[in-house]
Protein backbone atom coordinates (compact mmCIF):
# COMPACT_ATOMS: atom_id res chain seq x y z
CA UNK A 1 8.62 13.25 10.72
CA UNK A 2 8.63 10.65 13.48
CA UNK A 3 7.15 7.73 11.58
CA UNK A 4 7.76 6.31 8.14
CA UNK A 5 5.85 8.36 5.53
CA UNK A 6 2.69 6.80 4.12
CA UNK A 7 2.00 9.32 1.38
CA UNK A 8 3.15 12.27 -0.64
CA UNK A 9 1.57 15.69 -1.06
CA UNK A 10 1.57 17.15 -4.56
CA UNK A 11 0.70 20.77 -5.31
CA UNK A 12 -1.38 21.11 -8.46
CA UNK A 13 -1.39 24.22 -10.64
CA UNK A 14 -3.87 26.91 -9.71
CA UNK A 15 -7.38 25.67 -10.49
CA UNK A 16 -9.92 28.39 -9.85
CA UNK A 17 -13.53 27.27 -9.54
CA UNK A 18 -15.29 27.17 -12.91
CA UNK A 19 -12.13 26.91 -15.04
CA UNK A 20 -12.00 24.11 -17.59
CA UNK A 21 -9.06 22.39 -15.87
CA UNK A 22 -10.86 22.39 -12.52
CA UNK A 23 -14.07 21.04 -14.06
CA UNK A 24 -12.24 18.20 -15.85
CA UNK A 25 -10.38 17.30 -12.65
CA UNK A 26 -13.62 17.26 -10.63
CA UNK A 27 -15.32 15.03 -13.25
CA UNK A 28 -12.45 12.52 -13.20
CA UNK A 29 -12.43 12.39 -9.40
CA UNK A 30 -16.24 12.07 -9.28
CA UNK A 31 -16.00 9.00 -11.57
CA UNK A 32 -13.44 7.47 -9.19
CA UNK A 33 -15.71 8.19 -6.21
CA UNK A 34 -18.61 6.45 -7.98
CA UNK A 35 -16.54 3.30 -8.35
CA UNK A 36 -15.73 3.63 -12.03
CA UNK A 37 -12.46 2.08 -13.11
CA UNK A 38 -10.60 5.36 -13.64
CA UNK A 39 -6.93 6.18 -13.26
CA UNK A 40 -5.62 9.69 -12.79
CA UNK A 41 -2.05 10.52 -13.80
CA UNK A 42 -0.21 13.13 -11.72
CA UNK A 43 3.08 14.55 -13.06
CA UNK A 44 6.19 14.08 -10.90
CA UNK A 45 9.73 15.31 -11.49
CA UNK A 46 11.10 12.35 -9.51
CA UNK A 47 9.80 9.02 -8.28
CA UNK A 48 9.58 8.77 -4.48
CA UNK A 49 12.48 6.80 -3.00
CA UNK A 50 10.27 5.66 -0.12
CA UNK A 51 7.38 3.38 -1.05
CA UNK A 52 4.13 5.19 -0.19
CA UNK A 53 0.47 4.32 -0.62
CA UNK A 54 -1.28 7.69 -0.85
CA UNK A 55 -1.24 10.85 -2.95
CA UNK A 56 -2.68 13.97 -1.30
CA UNK A 57 -3.62 16.81 -3.66
CA UNK A 58 -2.91 20.38 -2.57
CA UNK A 59 -5.06 22.78 -4.59
CA UNK A 60 -5.42 26.52 -3.96
CA UNK A 61 -3.65 26.27 -0.60
CA UNK A 62 -5.74 23.36 0.75
CA UNK A 63 -5.29 19.60 0.81
CA UNK A 64 -8.59 18.54 -0.70
CA UNK A 65 -8.37 14.78 -1.20
CA UNK A 66 -6.39 11.57 -0.97
CA UNK A 67 -6.11 8.78 -3.56
CA UNK A 68 -4.12 5.57 -3.71
CA UNK A 69 -0.96 5.33 -5.80
CA UNK A 70 -1.02 2.11 -7.80
CA UNK A 71 2.31 2.65 -9.54
CA UNK A 72 4.52 4.91 -11.63
CA UNK A 73 5.05 5.21 -15.37
CA UNK A 74 7.92 6.81 -17.29
CA UNK A 75 6.98 10.29 -18.39
CA UNK A 76 5.52 10.51 -21.87
CA UNK A 77 3.75 13.50 -23.39
CA UNK A 78 0.10 13.76 -22.30
CA UNK A 79 -2.62 16.37 -22.41
CA UNK A 80 -3.56 17.55 -18.93
CA UNK A 81 -6.86 18.79 -17.51
CA UNK A 82 -5.99 22.40 -18.23
CA UNK A 83 -5.34 21.64 -21.91
CA UNK A 84 -1.55 21.96 -21.69
CA UNK A 85 0.74 19.13 -22.68
CA UNK A 86 3.29 17.93 -20.14
CA UNK A 87 6.09 15.41 -20.27
CA UNK A 88 7.37 14.91 -16.73
CA UNK A 89 10.01 12.39 -15.74
CA UNK A 90 7.31 10.21 -14.13
CA UNK A 91 3.53 9.87 -13.91
CA UNK A 92 2.04 8.68 -10.62
CA UNK A 93 -0.92 6.43 -11.43
CA UNK A 94 -3.62 7.24 -8.86
CA UNK A 95 -6.73 5.15 -8.22
CA UNK A 96 -9.70 4.86 -5.87
CA UNK A 97 -10.66 5.05 -3.14
CA UNK A 98 -10.88 8.82 -2.93
CA UNK A 99 -11.25 10.23 0.56
CA UNK A 100 -11.60 13.81 1.73
CA UNK A 101 -10.77 15.41 5.06
CA UNK A 102 -13.64 16.62 7.23
CA UNK A 103 -12.34 20.14 6.54
CA UNK A 104 -9.71 21.07 3.93
CA UNK A 105 -6.22 21.21 5.47
CA UNK A 106 -4.46 24.52 4.81
CA UNK A 107 -0.90 24.27 3.49
CA UNK A 108 1.39 26.45 1.44
CA UNK A 109 2.08 25.35 -2.10
CA UNK A 110 5.52 24.09 -3.17
CA UNK A 111 7.24 22.56 -6.17
CA UNK A 112 7.68 18.81 -6.46
CA UNK A 113 6.24 16.63 -3.71
CA UNK A 114 6.63 16.25 0.04
CA UNK A 115 6.47 13.10 2.12
CA UNK A 116 3.84 12.96 4.85
CA UNK A 117 2.41 10.70 7.48
CA UNK A 118 -1.27 9.81 7.23
CA UNK A 119 -3.27 13.05 7.52
CA UNK A 120 -6.72 11.50 8.16
């Protein structure tokens, strides 16, 4: 990476179209896109050491959207979109605006997060 990273990419668990977890995620993101005051919490095993502004979500092998990161919270136990309960070390608090690439960007999934420069 030539420039300072401006975001992180986070792979989410497999969300096939029509599954409850996918539907709940899409509803939450749609509320953010409509300007509702909604926060989305994304589990992280570590807090980024470099201050970044954006969270890119990698779902089913494609980067589908970008949100702003407004801060981090210590990990407490929460119910996730797929109905499981998780207690990560940190929660990234993500907020609007939500933007999407013109075409989804193909990437391989990975554990944790990766730093990235601005993708669009």
